[in-house]
PDB file of N, CA and C in Angstrom:
ATOM      1  N   UNK A   1      60.281  75.253  77.928  1.00  0.00           N
ATOM      2  CA  UNK A   1      61.259  74.955  77.242  1.00  0.00           C
ATOM      3  C   UNK A   1      62.350  75.255  78.202  1.00  0.00           C
ATOM      4  N   UNK A   2      63.491  74.149  78.213  1.00  0.00           N
ATOM      5  CA  UNK A   2      64.698  74.659  78.870  1.00  0.00           C
ATOM      6  C   UNK A   2      65.675  76.348  78.820  1.00  0.00           C
ATOM      7  N   UNK A   3      65.990  76.404  79.831  1.00  0.00           N
ATOM      8  CA  UNK A   3      66.584  77.620  79.825  1.00  0.00           C
ATOM      9  C   UNK A   3      67.861  77.105  79.446  1.00  0.00           C
ATOM     10  N   UNK A   4      68.998  77.935  78.719  1.00  0.00           N
ATOM     11  CA  UNK A   4      70.272  78.080  78.323  1.00  0.00           C
ATOM     12  C   UNK A   4      70.564  76.763  77.133  1.00  0.00           C
ATOM     13  N   UNK A   5      69.959  76.318  76.448  1.00  0.00           N
ATOM     14  CA  UNK A   5      69.804  75.171  75.201  1.00  0.00           C
ATOM     15  C   UNK A   5      69.937  75.721  74.486  1.00  0.00           C
ATOM     16  N   UNK A   6      69.024  76.674  74.106  1.00  0.00           N
ATOM     17  CA  UNK A   6      68.336  76.809  72.652  1.00  0.00           C
ATOM     18  C   UNK A   6      69.136  78.136  71.867  1.00  0.00           C
ATOM     19  N   UNK A   7      69.874  78.012  71.196  1.00  0.00           N
ATOM     20  CA  UNK A   7      70.769  79.512  70.371  1.00  0.00           C
ATOM     21  C   UNK A   7      69.898  80.564  70.575  1.00  0.00           C
ATOM     22  N   UNK A   8      70.458  81.640  70.349  1.00  0.00           N
ATOM     23  CA  UNK A   8      70.056  82.663  70.794  1.00  0.00           C
ATOM     24  C   UNK A   8      69.451  82.432  68.781  1.00  0.00           C
ATOM     25  N   UNK A   9      68.253  83.704  68.534  1.00  0.00           N
ATOM     26  CA  UNK A   9      67.267  84.193  67.177  1.00  0.00           C
ATOM     27  C   UNK A   9      67.370  85.294  67.409  1.00  0.00           C
ATOM     28  N   UNK A  10      69.024  85.743  66.126  1.00  0.00           N
ATOM     29  CA  UNK A  10      68.920  87.191  65.674  1.00  0.00           C
ATOM     30  C   UNK A  10      69.042  87.865  64.157  1.00  0.00           C
ATOM     31  N   UNK A  11      68.328  89.039  64.344  1.00  0.00           N
ATOM     32  CA  UNK A  11      68.362  89.670  63.215  1.00  0.00           C
ATOM     33  C   UNK A  11      69.433  89.081  62.288  1.00  0.00           C
ATOM     34  N   UNK A  12      69.948  88.867  61.138  1.00  0.00           N
ATOM     35  CA  UNK A  12      70.885  88.328  60.171  1.00  0.00           C
ATOM     36  C   UNK A  12      70.956  89.117  58.889  1.00  0.00           C
ATOM     37  N   UNK A  13      72.051  89.239  58.289  1.00  0.00           N
ATOM     38  CA  UNK A  13      72.300  89.742  56.898  1.00  0.00           C
ATOM     39  C   UNK A  13      72.134  89.207  56.348  1.00  0.00           C
ATOM     40  N   UNK A  14      71.917  89.098  54.501  1.00  0.00           N
ATOM     41  CA  UNK A  14      72.013  87.863  53.824  1.00  0.00           C
ATOM     42  C   UNK A  14      72.576  89.081  53.330  1.00  0.00           C
ATOM     43  N   UNK A  15      73.941  88.577  52.516  1.00  0.00           N
ATOM     44  CA  UNK A  15      74.727  89.019  50.956  1.00  0.00           C
ATOM     45  C   UNK A  15      74.886  88.026  50.706  1.00  0.00           C
ATOM     46  N   UNK A  16      74.729  88.391  48.961  1.00  0.00           N
ATOM     47  CA  UNK A  16      75.321  87.690  47.253  1.00  0.00           C
ATOM     48  C   UNK A  16      76.434  87.993  47.054  1.00  0.00           C
ATOM     49  N   UNK A  17      76.634  86.955  46.314  1.00  0.00           N
ATOM     50  CA  UNK A  17      77.912  86.926  45.121  1.00  0.00           C
ATOM     51  C   UNK A  17      77.494  88.449  44.768  1.00  0.00           C
ATOM     52  N   UNK A  18      76.046  88.645  44.086  1.00  0.00           N
ATOM     53  CA  UNK A  18      75.955  89.604  43.139  1.00  0.00           C
ATOM     54  C   UNK A  18      75.867  90.839  43.948  1.00  0.00           C
ATOM     55  N   UNK A  19      76.468  90.971  44.859  1.00  0.00           N
ATOM     56  CA  UNK A  19      76.300  91.904  45.388  1.00  0.00           C
ATOM     57  C   UNK A  19      74.734  92.206  46.282  1.00  0.00           C
ATOM     58  N   UNK A  20      73.651  91.966  46.148  1.00  0.00           N
ATOM     59  CA  UNK A  20      72.090  92.139  46.728  1.00  0.00           C
ATOM     60  C   UNK A  20      72.240  91.474  48.342  1.00  0.00           C
ATOM     61  N   UNK A  21      71.660  92.059  48.961  1.00  0.00           N
ATOM     62  CA  UNK A  21      71.600  92.252  50.556  1.00  0.00           C
ATOM     63  C   UNK A  21      70.162  92.034  50.705  1.00  0.00           C
ATOM     64  N   UNK A  22      69.646  91.581  52.278  1.00  0.00           N
ATOM     65  CA  UNK A  22      68.579  91.776  53.555  1.00  0.00           C
ATOM     66  C   UNK A  22      68.385  92.074  54.119  1.00  0.00           C
ATOM     67  N   UNK A  23      68.076  91.408  55.184  1.00  0.00           N
ATOM     68  CA  UNK A  23      67.428  91.191  56.515  1.00  0.00           C
ATOM     69  C   UNK A  23      66.185  90.122  56.563  1.00  0.00           C
ATOM     70  N   UNK A  24      66.943  89.000  57.618  1.00  0.00           N
ATOM     71  CA  UNK A  24      66.039  88.257  58.098  1.00  0.00           C
ATOM     72  C   UNK A  24      66.718  87.414  59.216  1.00  0.00           C
ATOM     73  N   UNK A  25      66.122  86.919  60.063  1.00  0.00           N
ATOM     74  CA  UNK A  25      66.491  86.324  61.075  1.00  0.00           C
ATOM     75  C   UNK A  25      67.256  85.315  61.414  1.00  0.00           C
ATOM     76  N   UNK A  26      68.416  84.296  61.247  1.00  0.00           N
ATOM     77  CA  UNK A  26      68.440  83.408  61.796  1.00  0.00           C
ATOM     78  C   UNK A  26      69.200  82.888  63.269  1.00  0.00           C
ATOM     79  N   UNK A  27      70.328  81.837  63.282  1.00  0.00           N
ATOM     80  CA  UNK A  27      70.887  81.964  64.449  1.00  0.00           C
ATOM     81  C   UNK A  27      72.489  81.916  64.355  1.00  0.00           C
ATOM     82  N   UNK A  28      72.736  82.806  62.940  1.00  0.00           N
ATOM     83  CA  UNK A  28      73.759  83.265  62.622  1.00  0.00           C
ATOM     84  C   UNK A  28      73.510  84.804  62.180  1.00  0.00           C
ATOM     85  N   UNK A  29      74.043  85.597  62.535  1.00  0.00           N
ATOM     86  CA  UNK A  29      74.170  87.347  62.358  1.00  0.00           C
ATOM     87  C   UNK A  29      74.429  87.222  60.828  1.00  0.00           C
ATOM     88  N   UNK A  30      75.002  86.889  59.944  1.00  0.00           N
ATOM     89  CA  UNK A  30      75.414  87.272  58.603  1.00  0.00           C
ATOM     90  C   UNK A  30      76.166  85.685  58.115  1.00  0.00           C
ATOM     91  N   UNK A  31      75.192  86.213  56.725  1.00  0.00           N
ATOM     92  CA  UNK A  31      75.150  84.672  55.911  1.00  0.00           C
ATOM     93  C   UNK A  31      75.770  85.038  54.567  1.00  0.00           C
ATOM     94  N   UNK A  32      76.680  83.921  53.562  1.00  0.00           N
ATOM     95  CA  UNK A  32      77.011  84.456  52.617  1.00  0.00           C
ATOM     96  C   UNK A  32      76.493  83.512  51.695  1.00  0.00           C
ATOM     97  N   UNK A  33      75.602  83.893  50.598  1.00  0.00           N
ATOM     98  CA  UNK A  33      75.526  83.256  50.081  1.00  0.00           C
ATOM     99  C   UNK A  33      75.744  83.174  48.050  1.00  0.00           C
ATOM    100  N   UNK A  34      76.844  82.109  47.237  1.00  0.00           N
ATOM    101  CA  UNK A  34      76.417  82.579  46.095  1.00  0.00           C
ATOM    102  C   UNK A  34      75.513  82.868  45.084  1.00  0.00           C
ATOM    103  N   UNK A  35      74.151  82.663  45.638  1.00  0.00           N
ATOM    104  CA  UNK A  35      73.333  82.558  43.953  1.00  0.00           C
ATOM    105  C   UNK A  35      71.662  83.201  44.723  1.00  0.00           C
ATOM    106  N   UNK A  36      71.354  84.352  44.704  1.00  0.00           N
ATOM    107  CA  UNK A  36      69.761  84.928  45.320  1.00  0.00           C
ATOM    108  C   UNK A  36      68.509  85.102  43.954  1.00  0.00           C
ATOM    109  N   UNK A  37      68.022  84.522  44.714  1.00  0.00           N
ATOM    110  CA  UNK A  37      66.495  85.302  43.697  1.00  0.00           C
ATOM    111  C   UNK A  37      66.600  86.307  43.199  1.00  0.00           C
ATOM    112  N   UNK A  38      67.627  87.811  43.522  1.00  0.00           N
ATOM    113  CA  UNK A  38      67.139  88.716  41.871  1.00  0.00           C
ATOM    114  C   UNK A  38      69.306  88.058  41.184  1.00  0.00           C
ATOM    115  N   UNK A  39      69.526  87.188  41.023  1.00  0.00           N
ATOM    116  CA  UNK A  39      70.562  86.843  39.899  1.00  0.00           C
ATOM    117  C   UNK A  39      70.508  85.418  39.229  1.00  0.00           C
ATOM    118  N   UNK A  40      69.617  84.889  40.166  1.00  0.00           N
ATOM    119  CA  UNK A  40      68.544  83.266  39.408  1.00  0.00           C
ATOM    120  C   UNK A  40      68.217  83.250  38.681  1.00  0.00           C
ATOM    121  N   UNK A  41      68.687  83.001  37.418  1.00  0.00           N
ATOM    122  CA  UNK A  41      67.897  82.698  35.889  1.00  0.00           C
ATOM    123  C   UNK A  41      66.860  82.056  35.790  1.00  0.00           C
ATOM    124  N   UNK A  42      66.451  81.510  37.335  1.00  0.00           N
ATOM    125  CA  UNK A  42      64.993  80.957  37.080  1.00  0.00           C
ATOM    126  C   UNK A  42      63.882  82.573  37.037  1.00  0.00           C
ATOM    127  N   UNK A  43      64.613  83.542  38.778  1.00  0.00           N
ATOM    128  CA  UNK A  43      63.726  84.420  39.336  1.00  0.00           C
ATOM    129  C   UNK A  43      63.662  85.524  38.246  1.00  0.00           C
ATOM    130  N   UNK A  44      64.765  85.736  37.801  1.00  0.00           N
ATOM    131  CA  UNK A  44      65.367  86.798  36.684  1.00  0.00           C
ATOM    132  C   UNK A  44      64.451  86.331  34.917  1.00  0.00           C
ATOM    133  N   UNK A  45      63.715  85.541  35.126  1.00  0.00           N
ATOM    134  CA  UNK A  45      63.722  85.057  33.444  1.00  0.00           C
ATOM    135  C   UNK A  45      64.186  85.043  32.340  1.00  0.00           C
ATOM    136  N   UNK A  46      65.999  84.642  32.380  1.00  0.00           N
ATOM    137  CA  UNK A  46      67.036  84.559  32.055  1.00  0.00           C
ATOM    138  C   UNK A  46      67.205  83.211  31.341  1.00  0.00           C
ATOM    139  N   UNK A  47      66.180  81.955  31.859  1.00  0.00           N
ATOM    140  CA  UNK A  47      66.284  80.877  32.521  1.00  0.00           C
ATOM    141  C   UNK A  47      65.925  80.471  30.491  1.00  0.00           C
ATOM    142  N   UNK A  48      67.316  79.543  29.686  1.00  0.00           N
ATOM    143  CA  UNK A  48      66.702  79.274  28.737  1.00  0.00           C
ATOM    144  C   UNK A  48      66.438  77.021  29.179  1.00  0.00           C
ATOM    145  N   UNK A  49      65.064  76.890  27.893  1.00  0.00           N
ATOM    146  CA  UNK A  49      64.739  75.613  27.758  1.00  0.00           C
ATOM    147  C   UNK A  49      65.478  74.755  27.195  1.00  0.00           C
ATOM    148  N   UNK A  50      66.973  73.609  27.540  1.00  0.00           N
ATOM    149  CA  UNK A  50      67.709  73.408  26.863  1.00  0.00           C
ATOM    150  C   UNK A  50      67.159  71.719  26.229  1.00  0.00           C
ATOM    151  N   UNK A  51      66.157  71.156  25.346  1.00  0.00           N
ATOM    152  CA  UNK A  51      66.221  69.822  25.014  1.00  0.00           C
ATOM    153  C   UNK A  51      67.363  69.052  24.762  1.00  0.00           C
ATOM    154  N   UNK A  52      67.297  68.711  26.024  1.00  0.00           N
ATOM    155  CA  UNK A  52      68.386  67.227  26.146  1.00  0.00           C
ATOM    156  C   UNK A  52      68.555  66.465  25.306  1.00  0.00           C
ATOM    157  N   UNK A  53      69.424  66.184  24.418  1.00  0.00           N
ATOM    158  CA  UNK A  53      69.889  65.354  23.635  1.00  0.00           C
ATOM    159  C   UNK A  53      69.093  65.340  22.332  1.00  0.00           C
ATOM    160  N   UNK A  54      68.089  66.198  22.085  1.00  0.00           N
ATOM    161  CA  UNK A  54      66.583  66.169  21.209  1.00  0.00           C
ATOM    162  C   UNK A  54      65.846  64.806  21.310  1.00  0.00           C
ATOM    163  N   UNK A  55      64.685  65.040  22.494  1.00  0.00           N
ATOM    164  CA  UNK A  55      63.711  64.122  22.602  1.00  0.00           C
ATOM    165  C   UNK A  55      62.840  64.257  21.830  1.00  0.00           C
ATOM    166  N   UNK A  56      62.534  65.535  21.165  1.00  0.00           N
ATOM    167  CA  UNK A  56      61.620  66.049  20.879  1.00  0.00           C
ATOM    168  C   UNK A  56      61.528  65.437  20.057  1.00  0.00           C
ATOM    169  N   UNK A  57      62.746  65.219  19.369  1.00  0.00           N
ATOM    170  CA  UNK A  57      62.399  64.987  17.636  1.00  0.00           C
ATOM    171  C   UNK A  57      62.679  63.777  17.263  1.00  0.00           C
ATOM    172  N   UNK A  58      63.272  63.312  18.415  1.00  0.00           N
ATOM    173  CA  UNK A  58      63.597  61.641  18.735  1.00  0.00           C
ATOM    174  C   UNK A  58      61.958  61.081  18.539  1.00  0.00           C
ATOM    175  N   UNK A  59      61.312  61.612  19.203  1.00  0.00           N
ATOM    176  CA  UNK A  59      59.807  60.774  19.670  1.00  0.00           C
ATOM    177  C   UNK A  59      59.178  60.787  18.198  1.00  0.00           C
ATOM    178  N   UNK A  60      59.113  62.351  17.944  1.00  0.00           N
ATOM    179  CA  UNK A  60      58.747  62.197  16.196  1.00  0.00           C
ATOM    180  C   UNK A  60      58.868  61.357  15.546  1.00  0.00           C
ATOM    181  N   UNK A  61      60.371  61.117  15.251  1.00  0.00           N
ATOM    182  CA  UNK A  61      60.670  60.390  14.633  1.00  0.00           C
ATOM    183  C   UNK A  61      60.192  58.860  14.801  1.00  0.00           C
ATOM    184  N   UNK A  62      60.144  58.645  16.014  1.00  0.00           N
ATOM    185  CA  UNK A  62      59.131  56.884  16.219  1.00  0.00           C
ATOM    186  C   UNK A  62      58.057  57.608  15.699  1.00  0.00           C
ATOM    187  N   UNK A  63      57.445  58.398  16.055  1.00  0.00           N
ATOM    188  CA  UNK A  63      55.627  58.247  16.148  1.00  0.00           C
ATOM    189  C   UNK A  63      55.761  58.152  14.345  1.00  0.00           C
ATOM    190  N   UNK A  64      56.584  58.777  14.153  1.00  0.00           N
ATOM    191  CA  UNK A  64      56.278  58.615  12.263  1.00  0.00           C
ATOM    192  C   UNK A  64      56.252  57.454  11.881  1.00  0.00           C
ATOM    193  N   UNK A  65      57.393  56.404  12.068  1.00  0.00           N
ATOM    194  CA  UNK A  65      57.502  55.129  11.484  1.00  0.00           C
ATOM    195  C   UNK A  65      56.690  54.103  11.821  1.00  0.00           C
ATOM    196  N   UNK A  66      55.525  54.733  13.218  1.00  0.00           N
ATOM    197  CA  UNK A  66      54.346  53.408  13.276  1.00  0.00           C
ATOM    198  C   UNK A  66      53.098  54.492  13.021  1.00  0.00           C
ATOM    199  N   UNK A  67      52.955  55.563  12.429  1.00  0.00           N
ATOM    200  CA  UNK A  67      51.622  55.973  12.571  1.00  0.00           C
ATOM    201  C   UNK A  67      51.304  56.357  13.057  1.00  0.00           C
ATOM    202  N   UNK A  68      51.597  56.379  14.436  1.00  0.00           N
ATOM    203  CA  UNK A  68      50.271  56.183  15.590  1.00  0.00           C
ATOM    204  C   UNK A  68      49.960  55.174  16.163  1.00  0.00           C
ATOM    205  N   UNK A  69      50.256  54.376  15.483  1.00  0.00           N
ATOM    206  CA  UNK A  69      49.777  52.512  16.503  1.00  0.00           C
ATOM    207  C   UNK A  69      50.555  52.400  17.026  1.00  0.00           C
ATOM    208  N   UNK A  70      50.264  51.256  18.597  1.00  0.00           N
ATOM    209  CA  UNK A  70      50.672  51.254  19.152  1.00  0.00           C
ATOM    210  C   UNK A  70      52.020  49.960  18.597  1.00  0.00           C
ATOM    211  N   UNK A  71      53.210  50.303  19.464  1.00  0.00           N
ATOM    212  CA  UNK A  71      53.444  49.168  18.955  1.00  0.00           C
ATOM    213  C   UNK A  71      53.991  48.344  19.939  1.00  0.00           C
ATOM    214  N   UNK A  72      53.899  46.894  20.012  1.00  0.00           N
ATOM    215  CA  UNK A  72      53.937  46.128  21.811  1.00  0.00           C
ATOM    216  C   UNK A  72      55.116  45.563  21.756  1.00  0.00           C
ATOM    217  N   UNK A  73      56.109  45.286  22.709  1.00  0.00           N
ATOM    218  CA  UNK A  73      56.966  44.574  22.477  1.00  0.00           C
ATOM    219  C   UNK A  73      57.111  43.687  23.161  1.00  0.00           C
ATOM    220  N   UNK A  74      57.801  42.431  23.220  1.00  0.00           N
ATOM    221  CA  UNK A  74      57.684  41.147  24.359  1.00  0.00           C
ATOM    222  C   UNK A  74      58.353  42.452  25.718  1.00  0.00           C
ATOM    223  N   UNK A  75      57.640  41.131  26.364  1.00  0.00           N
ATOM    224  CA  UNK A  75      58.013  41.498  27.786  1.00  0.00           C
ATOM    225  C   UNK A  75      59.288  40.923  28.795  1.00  0.00           C
ATOM    226  N   UNK A  76      60.380  41.148  29.191  1.00  0.00           N
ATOM    227  CA  UNK A  76      61.628  41.141  30.093  1.00  0.00           C
ATOM    228  C   UNK A  76      61.205  39.791  29.924  1.00  0.00           C
ATOM    229  N   UNK A  77      62.009  38.956  30.347  1.00  0.00           N
ATOM    230  CA  UNK A  77      61.859  37.473  31.289  1.00  0.00           C
ATOM    231  C   UNK A  77      62.864  37.725  32.506  1.00  0.00           C
ATOM    232  N   UNK A  78      63.152  37.291  33.113  1.00  0.00           N
ATOM    233  CA  UNK A  78      64.416  37.399  34.363  1.00  0.00           C
ATOM    234  C   UNK A  78      64.141  36.521  34.865  1.00  0.00           C
ATOM    235  N   UNK A  79      65.952  36.098  34.645  1.00  0.00           N
ATOM    236  CA  UNK A  79      66.377  34.531  34.817  1.00  0.00           C
ATOM    237  C   UNK A  79      66.591  34.862  36.074  1.00  0.00           C
ATOM    238  N   UNK A  80      66.385  33.660  36.813  1.00  0.00           N
ATOM    239  CA  UNK A  80      66.323  33.163  38.076  1.00  0.00           C
ATOM    240  C   UNK A  80      68.107  33.039  38.625  1.00  0.00           C
ATOM    241  N   UNK A  81      68.024  33.692  39.883  1.00  0.00           N
ATOM    242  CA  UNK A  81      69.279  33.994  40.434  1.00  0.00           C
ATOM    243  C   UNK A  81      70.030  32.442  40.693  1.00  0.00           C
ATOM    244  N   UNK A  82      71.100  32.508  40.575  1.00  0.00           N
ATOM    245  CA  UNK A  82      71.426  31.457  40.939  1.00  0.00           C
ATOM    246  C   UNK A  82      72.206  31.338  42.723  1.00  0.00           C
ATOM    247  N   UNK A  83      71.794  30.401  43.400  1.00  0.00           N
ATOM    248  CA  UNK A  83      72.282  30.421  44.830  1.00  0.00           C
ATOM    249  C   UNK A  83      73.872  31.227  45.067  1.00  0.00           C
ATOM    250  N   UNK A  84      73.570  32.043  46.506  1.00  0.00           N
ATOM    251  CA  UNK A  84      74.770  32.846  46.416  1.00  0.00           C
ATOM    252  C   UNK A  84      76.198  31.394  47.393  1.00  0.00           C
ATOM    253  N   UNK A  85      77.103  31.796  47.795  1.00  0.00           N
ATOM    254  CA  UNK A  85      78.089  31.053  48.044  1.00  0.00           C
ATOM    255  C   UNK A  85      77.464  30.354  49.306  1.00  0.00           C
ATOM    256  N   UNK A  86      76.775  31.214  50.672  1.00  0.00           N
ATOM    257  CA  UNK A  86      76.314  30.441  51.526  1.00  0.00           C
ATOM    258  C   UNK A  86      75.397  30.335  51.378  1.00  0.00           C
ATOM    259  N   UNK A  87      74.429  30.034  50.403  1.00  0.00           N
ATOM    260  CA  UNK A  87      72.810  28.992  50.512  1.00  0.00           C
ATOM    261  C   UNK A  87      73.704  27.955  49.480  1.00  0.00           C
ATOM    262  N   UNK A  88      74.446  28.148  48.965  1.00  0.00           N
ATOM    263  CA  UNK A  88      75.149  26.266  48.119  1.00  0.00           C
ATOM    264  C   UNK A  88      75.723  25.882  49.075  1.00  0.00           C
ATOM    265  N   UNK A  89      76.273  26.349  49.968  1.00  0.00           N
ATOM    266  CA  UNK A  89      77.139  26.167  51.073  1.00  0.00           C
ATOM    267  C   UNK A  89      76.307  25.448  52.305  1.00  0.00           C
ATOM    268  N   UNK A  90      75.340  25.659  52.547  1.00  0.00           N
ATOM    269  CA  UNK A  90      73.999  25.305  53.358  1.00  0.00           C
ATOM    270  C   UNK A  90      72.931  24.124  52.787  1.00  0.00           C
ATOM    271  N   UNK A  91      73.085  24.351  51.546  1.00  0.00           N
ATOM    272  CA  UNK A  91      72.796  23.230  50.689  1.00  0.00           C
ATOM    273  C   UNK A  91      73.264  22.183  50.159  1.00  0.00           C
ATOM    274  N   UNK A  92      74.940  22.057  50.082  1.00  0.00           N
ATOM    275  CA  UNK A  92      75.380  20.912  50.373  1.00  0.00           C
ATOM    276  C   UNK A  92      75.939  19.716  51.199  1.00  0.00           C
ATOM    277  N   UNK A  93      75.169  21.524  52.690  1.00  0.00           N
ATOM    278  CA  UNK A  93      75.650  20.517  53.268  1.00  0.00           C
ATOM    279  C   UNK A  93      74.559  20.351  53.971  1.00  0.00           C
ATOM    280  N   UNK A  94      73.266  20.096  53.963  1.00  0.00           N
ATOM    281  CA  UNK A  94      71.910  19.157  53.756  1.00  0.00           C
ATOM    282  C   UNK A  94      72.227  18.377  53.280  1.00  0.00           C
ATOM    283  N   UNK A  95      72.159  17.909  52.463  1.00  0.00           N
ATOM    284  CA  UNK A  95      72.375  17.473  51.163  1.00  0.00           C
ATOM    285  C   UNK A  95      73.306  15.779  52.100  1.00  0.00           C
ATOM    286  N   UNK A  96      74.682  16.623  52.321  1.00  0.00           N
ATOM    287  CA  UNK A  96      75.612  15.319  52.892  1.00  0.00           C
ATOM    288  C   UNK A  96      74.716  15.233  54.011  1.00  0.00           C
ATOM    289  N   UNK A  97      73.914  15.726  54.816  1.00  0.00           N
ATOM    290  CA  UNK A  97      73.797  15.078  56.194  1.00  0.00           C
ATOM    291  C   UNK A  97      72.541  14.235  55.562  1.00  0.00           C
ATOM    292  N   UNK A  98      72.068  14.832  55.032  1.00  0.00           N
ATOM    293  CA  UNK A  98      70.742  13.607  54.283  1.00  0.00           C
ATOM    294  C   UNK A  98      71.919  12.513  53.625  1.00  0.00           C
ATOM    295  N   UNK A  99      72.109  12.243  53.006  1.00  0.00           N
ATOM    296  CA  UNK A  99      72.924  11.147  52.566  1.00  0.00           C
ATOM    297  C   UNK A  99      72.879  10.530  53.403  1.00  0.00           C
ATOM    298  N   UNK A 100      74.186  10.987  54.549  1.00  0.00           N
ATOM    299  CA  UNK A 100      74.972   9.920  56.019  1.00  0.00           C
ATOM    300  C   UNK A 100      73.615   9.470  56.366  1.00  0.00           C
ATOM    301  N   UNK A 101      72.681  10.483  56.406  1.00  0.00           N
ATOM    302  CA  UNK A 101      71.246   9.971  57.056  1.00  0.00           C
ATOM    303  C   UNK A 101      70.809   8.302  56.663  1.00  0.00           C
ATOM    304  N   UNK A 102      70.592   8.388  55.164  1.00  0.00           N
ATOM    305  CA  UNK A 102      69.900   7.762  54.416  1.00  0.00           C
ATOM    306  C   UNK A 102      71.519   6.419  54.396  1.00  0.00           C
ATOM    307  N   UNK A 103      72.080   6.210  54.453  1.00  0.00           N
ATOM    308  CA  UNK A 103      73.269   5.162  54.712  1.00  0.00           C
ATOM    309  C   UNK A 103      72.805   4.780  55.678  1.00  0.00           C
ATOM    310  N   UNK A 104      73.030   5.380  57.050  1.00  0.00           N
ATOM    311  CA  UNK A 104      72.990   4.806  58.361  1.00  0.00           C
ATOM    312  C   UNK A 104      71.773   4.055  58.026  1.00  0.00           C
ATOM    313  N   UNK A 105      70.534   4.652  57.740  1.00  0.00           N
ATOM    314  CA  UNK A 105      69.451   3.818  57.758  1.00  0.00           C
ATOM    315  C   UNK A 105      69.593   2.430  57.062  1.00  0.00           C
ATOM    316  N   UNK A 106      70.257   3.026  55.570  1.00  0.00           N
ATOM    317  CA  UNK A 106      70.292   1.226  54.760  1.00  0.00           C
ATOM    318  C   UNK A 106      71.097   0.315  56.285  1.00  0.00           C
ATOM    319  N   UNK A 107      72.201   0.823  55.902  1.00  0.00           N
ATOM    320  CA  UNK A 107      73.707  -0.035  57.239  1.00  0.00           C
ATOM    321  C   UNK A 107      72.209  -1.136  57.811  1.00  0.00           C
ATOM    322  N   UNK A 108      71.455  -0.214  58.829  1.00  0.00           N
ATOM    323  CA  UNK A 108      70.821  -0.426  60.476  1.00  0.00           C
ATOM    324  C   UNK A 108      69.684  -1.917  59.400  1.00  0.00           C
ATOM    325  N   UNK A 109      69.259  -1.669  58.400  1.00  0.00           N
ATOM    326  CA  UNK A 109      68.821  -2.215  57.796  1.00  0.00           C
ATOM    327  C   UNK A 109      69.244  -4.103  57.368  1.00  0.00           C
ATOM    328  N   UNK A 110      70.599  -3.678  56.908  1.00  0.00           N
ATOM    329  CA  UNK A 110      71.271  -4.983  56.167  1.00  0.00           C
ATOM    330  C   UNK A 110      72.170  -5.804  57.409  1.00  0.00           C
TER     331      UNK A 110
END
């Protein structure tokens, strides 16, 4: 390792907004947090599971309508994309050149 290019790894005090403090090591002497494992709902067991938009009920209603049978839907078909402006420009230029070449070759024959 090169000397003088690495940060100092020092003991650090971590302080949470709830008042909880603990010691660790970091390149910073103190770290301030908004939420820690002592006050986070997941770790404290106060977390509420929220059924977003009634998904379970919506599934139950759909399941009851079909009586558990599988419903097949038509596959979505993709529409081909139209060429971009540059592609159209290139194609029209190629077409003009081909038309001009054909015209000159017809004139040579005549």
